[in-house]
Amino acid sequence: MNKAVQFFQEAKVELIKVNWPTKKQTINYTALVVAVSIAVALFLGGLDSVFSYILKTYIIK
């Protein structure tokens, strides 16, 4: 039981040392992740559409 208490005390000390991002940084990083995710989804969706068109038009007649 002593080791568990010591672990949580040390974890608390380490969490105090962490350089947490500001609210503005968190919002900016979140917006960036969402934007990149949408861009990748659009790119892959476009590729899927192009390949589907090619398959339907030229390969599967």
PDB file of N, CA and C in Angstrom:
ATOM      1  N   MET A   1       0.832  -1.190   0.000  1.00  0.00           N
ATOM      2  CA  MET A   1       0.000   0.000   0.000  1.00  0.00           C
ATOM      3  C   MET A   1       0.875   1.252   0.000  1.00  0.00           C
ATOM      4  N   ASN A   2       2.020   1.181   0.671  1.00  0.00           N
ATOM      5  CA  ASN A   2       2.940   2.323   0.730  1.00  0.00           C
ATOM      6  C   ASN A   2       3.449   2.702  -0.657  1.00  0.00           C
ATOM      7  N   LYS A   3       3.724   1.685  -1.477  1.00  0.00           N
ATOM      8  CA  LYS A   3       4.236   1.950  -2.825  1.00  0.00           C
ATOM      9  C   LYS A   3       3.188   2.655  -3.680  1.00  0.00           C
ATOM     10  N   ALA A   4       1.930   2.294  -3.505  1.00  0.00           N
ATOM     11  CA  ALA A   4       0.863   2.938  -4.276  1.00  0.00           C
ATOM     12  C   ALA A   4       0.738   4.407  -3.897  1.00  0.00           C
ATOM     13  N   VAL A   5       0.787   4.701  -2.623  1.00  0.00           N
ATOM     14  CA  VAL A   5       0.702   6.086  -2.149  1.00  0.00           C
ATOM     15  C   VAL A   5       1.899   6.875  -2.656  1.00  0.00           C
ATOM     16  N   GLN A   6       3.076   6.293  -2.578  1.00  0.00           N
ATOM     17  CA  GLN A   6       4.289   6.952  -3.056  1.00  0.00           C
ATOM     18  C   GLN A   6       4.199   7.213  -4.563  1.00  0.00           C
ATOM     19  N   PHE A   7       3.667   6.243  -5.306  1.00  0.00           N
ATOM     20  CA  PHE A   7       3.524   6.410  -6.748  1.00  0.00           C
ATOM     21  C   PHE A   7       2.646   7.616  -7.062  1.00  0.00           C
ATOM     22  N   PHE A   8       1.498   7.719  -6.404  1.00  0.00           N
ATOM     23  CA  PHE A   8       0.591   8.829  -6.687  1.00  0.00           C
ATOM     24  C   PHE A   8       1.169  10.169  -6.245  1.00  0.00           C
ATOM     25  N   GLN A   9       1.920  10.194  -5.181  1.00  0.00           N
ATOM     26  CA  GLN A   9       2.576  11.431  -4.755  1.00  0.00           C
ATOM     27  C   GLN A   9       3.602  11.873  -5.792  1.00  0.00           C
ATOM     28  N   GLU A  10       4.393  10.936  -6.283  1.00  0.00           N
ATOM     29  CA  GLU A  10       5.391  11.258  -7.294  1.00  0.00           C
ATOM     30  C   GLU A  10       4.735  11.669  -8.613  1.00  0.00           C
ATOM     31  N   ALA A  11       3.633  11.015  -8.950  1.00  0.00           N
ATOM     32  CA  ALA A  11       2.910  11.376 -10.171  1.00  0.00           C
ATOM     33  C   ALA A  11       2.386  12.803 -10.065  1.00  0.00           C
ATOM     34  N   LYS A  12       1.887  13.181  -8.918  1.00  0.00           N
ATOM     35  CA  LYS A  12       1.386  14.542  -8.705  1.00  0.00           C
ATOM     36  C   LYS A  12       2.505  15.559  -8.871  1.00  0.00           C
ATOM     37  N   VAL A  13       3.660  15.262  -8.318  1.00  0.00           N
ATOM     38  CA  VAL A  13       4.816  16.156  -8.447  1.00  0.00           C
ATOM     39  C   VAL A  13       5.209  16.310  -9.913  1.00  0.00           C
ATOM     40  N   GLU A  14       5.215  15.222 -10.659  1.00  0.00           N
ATOM     41  CA  GLU A  14       5.585  15.281 -12.073  1.00  0.00           C
ATOM     42  C   GLU A  14       4.548  16.057 -12.883  1.00  0.00           C
ATOM     43  N   LEU A  15       3.276  15.899 -12.565  1.00  0.00           N
ATOM     44  CA  LEU A  15       2.237  16.635 -13.287  1.00  0.00           C
ATOM     45  C   LEU A  15       2.326  18.140 -13.054  1.00  0.00           C
ATOM     46  N   ILE A  16       2.814  18.536 -11.908  1.00  0.00           N
ATOM     47  CA  ILE A  16       2.997  19.967 -11.629  1.00  0.00           C
ATOM     48  C   ILE A  16       4.103  20.536 -12.522  1.00  0.00           C
ATOM     49  N   LYS A  17       5.095  19.719 -12.867  1.00  0.00           N
ATOM     50  CA  LYS A  17       6.214  20.161 -13.700  1.00  0.00           C
ATOM     51  C   LYS A  17       5.853  20.286 -15.170  1.00  0.00           C
ATOM     52  N   VAL A  18       4.731  19.691 -15.586  1.00  0.00           N
ATOM     53  CA  VAL A  18       4.353  19.676 -17.002  1.00  0.00           C
ATOM     54  C   VAL A  18       4.024  21.093 -17.470  1.00  0.00           C
ATOM     55  N   ASN A  19       4.512  21.422 -18.657  1.00  0.00           N
ATOM     56  CA  ASN A  19       4.211  22.716 -19.264  1.00  0.00           C
ATOM     57  C   ASN A  19       2.930  22.557 -20.080  1.00  0.00           C
ATOM     58  N   TRP A  20       1.782  22.824 -19.458  1.00  0.00           N
ATOM     59  CA  TRP A  20       0.496  22.629 -20.100  1.00  0.00           C
ATOM     60  C   TRP A  20       0.248  23.723 -21.129  1.00  0.00           C
ATOM     61  N   PRO A  21      -0.386  23.395 -22.270  1.00  0.00           N
ATOM     62  CA  PRO A  21      -0.676  24.415 -23.281  1.00  0.00           C
ATOM     63  C   PRO A  21      -1.771  25.364 -22.780  1.00  0.00           C
ATOM     64  N   THR A  22      -1.739  26.578 -23.315  1.00  0.00           N
ATOM     65  CA  THR A  22      -2.771  27.542 -22.955  1.00  0.00           C
ATOM     66  C   THR A  22      -4.071  27.175 -23.661  1.00  0.00           C
ATOM     67  N   LYS A  23      -5.137  27.845 -23.264  1.00  0.00           N
ATOM     68  CA  LYS A  23      -6.431  27.582 -23.896  1.00  0.00           C
ATOM     69  C   LYS A  23      -6.376  27.919 -25.382  1.00  0.00           C
ATOM     70  N   LYS A  24      -5.711  29.022 -25.722  1.00  0.00           N
ATOM     71  CA  LYS A  24      -5.612  29.430 -27.117  1.00  0.00           C
ATOM     72  C   LYS A  24      -4.825  28.400 -27.936  1.00  0.00           C
ATOM     73  N   GLN A  25      -3.721  27.897 -27.387  1.00  0.00           N
ATOM     74  CA  GLN A  25      -2.929  26.878 -28.083  1.00  0.00           C
ATOM     75  C   GLN A  25      -3.748  25.610 -28.296  1.00  0.00           C
ATOM     76  N   THR A  26      -4.491  25.207 -27.293  1.00  0.00           N
ATOM     77  CA  THR A  26      -5.307  24.004 -27.397  1.00  0.00           C
ATOM     78  C   THR A  26      -6.356  24.151 -28.492  1.00  0.00           C
ATOM     79  N   ILE A  27      -6.991  25.322 -28.548  1.00  0.00           N
ATOM     80  CA  ILE A  27      -7.996  25.570 -29.583  1.00  0.00           C
ATOM     81  C   ILE A  27      -7.345  25.567 -30.959  1.00  0.00           C
ATOM     82  N   ASN A  28      -6.185  26.208 -31.086  1.00  0.00           N
ATOM     83  CA  ASN A  28      -5.483  26.240 -32.378  1.00  0.00           C
ATOM     84  C   ASN A  28      -5.073  24.846 -32.828  1.00  0.00           C
ATOM     85  N   TYR A  29      -4.525  24.049 -31.934  1.00  0.00           N
ATOM     86  CA  TYR A  29      -4.102  22.697 -32.282  1.00  0.00           C
ATOM     87  C   TYR A  29      -5.305  21.825 -32.652  1.00  0.00           C
ATOM     88  N   THR A  30      -6.396  21.993 -31.934  1.00  0.00           N
ATOM     89  CA  THR A  30      -7.604  21.229 -32.237  1.00  0.00           C
ATOM     90  C   THR A  30      -8.139  21.604 -33.609  1.00  0.00           C
ATOM     91  N   ALA A  31      -8.169  22.900 -33.911  1.00  0.00           N
ATOM     92  CA  ALA A  31      -8.637  23.359 -35.223  1.00  0.00           C
ATOM     93  C   ALA A  31      -7.737  22.824 -36.329  1.00  0.00           C
ATOM     94  N   LEU A  32      -6.436  22.799 -36.095  1.00  0.00           N
ATOM     95  CA  LEU A  32      -5.499  22.272 -37.084  1.00  0.00           C
ATOM     96  C   LEU A  32      -5.741  20.788 -37.345  1.00  0.00           C
ATOM     97  N   VAL A  33      -5.955  20.028 -36.297  1.00  0.00           N
ATOM     98  CA  VAL A  33      -6.203  18.590 -36.448  1.00  0.00           C
ATOM     99  C   VAL A  33      -7.504  18.359 -37.216  1.00  0.00           C
ATOM    100  N   VAL A  34      -8.543  19.121 -36.895  1.00  0.00           N
ATOM    101  CA  VAL A  34      -9.822  18.972 -37.597  1.00  0.00           C
ATOM    102  C   VAL A  34      -9.658  19.337 -39.067  1.00  0.00           C
ATOM    103  N   ALA A  35      -8.947  20.442 -39.357  1.00  0.00           N
ATOM    104  CA  ALA A  35      -8.751  20.880 -40.742  1.00  0.00           C
ATOM    105  C   ALA A  35      -7.961  19.842 -41.546  1.00  0.00           C
ATOM    106  N   VAL A  36      -6.906  19.322 -40.978  1.00  0.00           N
ATOM    107  CA  VAL A  36      -6.102  18.316 -41.678  1.00  0.00           C
ATOM    108  C   VAL A  36      -6.919  17.036 -41.889  1.00  0.00           C
ATOM    109  N   SER A  37      -7.715  16.662 -40.908  1.00  0.00           N
ATOM    110  CA  SER A  37      -8.554  15.465 -41.041  1.00  0.00           C
ATOM    111  C   SER A  37      -9.568  15.634 -42.170  1.00  0.00           C
ATOM    112  N   ILE A  38     -10.171  16.814 -42.260  1.00  0.00           N
ATOM    113  CA  ILE A  38     -11.131  17.079 -43.336  1.00  0.00           C
ATOM    114  C   ILE A  38     -10.430  17.068 -44.689  1.00  0.00           C
ATOM    115  N   ALA A  39      -9.249  17.684 -44.759  1.00  0.00           N
ATOM    116  CA  ALA A  39      -8.504  17.716 -46.026  1.00  0.00           C
ATOM    117  C   ALA A  39      -8.140  16.303 -46.479  1.00  0.00           C
ATOM    118  N   VAL A  40      -7.686  15.474 -45.581  1.00  0.00           N
ATOM    119  CA  VAL A  40      -7.328  14.093 -45.930  1.00  0.00           C
ATOM    120  C   VAL A  40      -8.576  13.317 -46.356  1.00  0.00           C
ATOM    121  N   ALA A  41      -9.684  13.530 -45.659  1.00  0.00           N
ATOM    122  CA  ALA A  41     -10.927  12.841 -46.015  1.00  0.00           C
ATOM    123  C   ALA A  41     -11.383  13.251 -47.415  1.00  0.00           C
ATOM    124  N   LEU A  42     -11.302  14.536 -47.730  1.00  0.00           N
ATOM    125  CA  LEU A  42     -11.687  15.004 -49.063  1.00  0.00           C
ATOM    126  C   LEU A  42     -10.761  14.433 -50.131  1.00  0.00           C
ATOM    127  N   PHE A  43      -9.471  14.410 -49.856  1.00  0.00           N
ATOM    128  CA  PHE A  43      -8.505  13.860 -50.805  1.00  0.00           C
ATOM    129  C   PHE A  43      -8.787  12.381 -51.083  1.00  0.00           C
ATOM    130  N   LEU A  44      -8.955  11.612 -50.016  1.00  0.00           N
ATOM    131  CA  LEU A  44      -9.208  10.177 -50.192  1.00  0.00           C
ATOM    132  C   LEU A  44     -10.571   9.931 -50.834  1.00  0.00           C
ATOM    133  N   GLY A  45     -11.561  10.750 -50.492  1.00  0.00           N
ATOM    134  CA  GLY A  45     -12.866  10.629 -51.130  1.00  0.00           C
ATOM    135  C   GLY A  45     -12.787  10.935 -52.617  1.00  0.00           C
ATOM    136  N   GLY A  46     -11.977  11.935 -52.970  1.00  0.00           N
ATOM    137  CA  GLY A  46     -11.776  12.269 -54.382  1.00  0.00           C
ATOM    138  C   GLY A  46     -11.098  11.136 -55.129  1.00  0.00           C
ATOM    139  N   LEU A  47     -10.080  10.557 -54.532  1.00  0.00           N
ATOM    140  CA  LEU A  47      -9.420   9.407 -55.156  1.00  0.00           C
ATOM    141  C   LEU A  47     -10.387   8.242 -55.346  1.00  0.00           C
ATOM    142  N   ASP A  48     -11.204   8.000 -54.345  1.00  0.00           N
ATOM    143  CA  ASP A  48     -12.182   6.928 -54.434  1.00  0.00           C
ATOM    144  C   ASP A  48     -13.156   7.188 -55.584  1.00  0.00           C
ATOM    145  N   SER A  49     -13.603   8.414 -55.718  1.00  0.00           N
ATOM    146  CA  SER A  49     -14.521   8.758 -56.807  1.00  0.00           C
ATOM    147  C   SER A  49     -13.867   8.574 -58.167  1.00  0.00           C
ATOM    148  N   VAL A  50     -12.630   9.013 -58.296  1.00  0.00           N
ATOM    149  CA  VAL A  50     -11.916   8.883 -59.570  1.00  0.00           C
ATOM    150  C   VAL A  50     -11.727   7.418 -59.928  1.00  0.00           C
ATOM    151  N   PHE A  51     -11.273   6.622 -58.995  1.00  0.00           N
ATOM    152  CA  PHE A  51     -11.052   5.203 -59.283  1.00  0.00           C
ATOM    153  C   PHE A  51     -12.369   4.464 -59.544  1.00  0.00           C
ATOM    154  N   SER A  52     -13.418   4.839 -58.839  1.00  0.00           N
ATOM    155  CA  SER A  52     -14.723   4.227 -59.096  1.00  0.00           C
ATOM    156  C   SER A  52     -15.198   4.562 -60.498  1.00  0.00           C
ATOM    157  N   TYR A  53     -15.032   5.800 -60.910  1.00  0.00           N
ATOM    158  CA  TYR A  53     -15.414   6.216 -62.261  1.00  0.00           C
ATOM    159  C   TYR A  53     -14.627   5.439 -63.314  1.00  0.00           C
ATOM    160  N   ILE A  54     -13.323   5.330 -63.104  1.00  0.00           N
ATOM    161  CA  ILE A  54     -12.482   4.594 -64.053  1.00  0.00           C
ATOM    162  C   ILE A  54     -12.914   3.129 -64.121  1.00  0.00           C
ATOM    163  N   LEU A  55     -13.158   2.516 -62.974  1.00  0.00           N
ATOM    164  CA  LEU A  55     -13.588   1.118 -62.971  1.00  0.00           C
ATOM    165  C   LEU A  55     -14.909   0.942 -63.709  1.00  0.00           C
ATOM    166  N   LYS A  56     -15.879   1.805 -63.421  1.00  0.00           N
ATOM    167  CA  LYS A  56     -17.195   1.670 -64.045  1.00  0.00           C
ATOM    168  C   LYS A  56     -17.175   1.984 -65.520  1.00  0.00           C
ATOM    169  N   THR A  57     -16.344   2.920 -65.933  1.00  0.00           N
ATOM    170  CA  THR A  57     -16.329   3.358 -67.319  1.00  0.00           C
ATOM    171  C   THR A  57     -15.504   2.452 -68.216  1.00  0.00           C
ATOM    172  N   TYR A  58     -14.325   2.084 -67.774  1.00  0.00           N
ATOM    173  CA  TYR A  58     -13.390   1.391 -68.658  1.00  0.00           C
ATOM    174  C   TYR A  58     -13.202  -0.089 -68.364  1.00  0.00           C
ATOM    175  N   ILE A  59     -13.367  -0.498 -67.132  1.00  0.00           N
ATOM    176  CA  ILE A  59     -13.053  -1.888 -66.791  1.00  0.00           C
ATOM    177  C   ILE A  59     -14.323  -2.733 -66.690  1.00  0.00           C
ATOM    178  N   ILE A  60     -15.325  -2.241 -65.985  1.00  0.00           N
ATOM    179  CA  ILE A  60     -16.577  -2.980 -65.828  1.00  0.00           C
ATOM    180  C   ILE A  60     -17.580  -2.372 -66.816  1.00  0.00           C
ATOM    181  N   LYS A  61     -17.802  -3.051 -67.913  1.00  0.00           N
ATOM    182  CA  LYS A  61     -18.712  -2.509 -68.940  1.00  0.00           C
ATOM    183  C   LYS A  61     -20.015  -3.245 -68.952  1.00  0.00           C
TER     184      LYS A  61
END
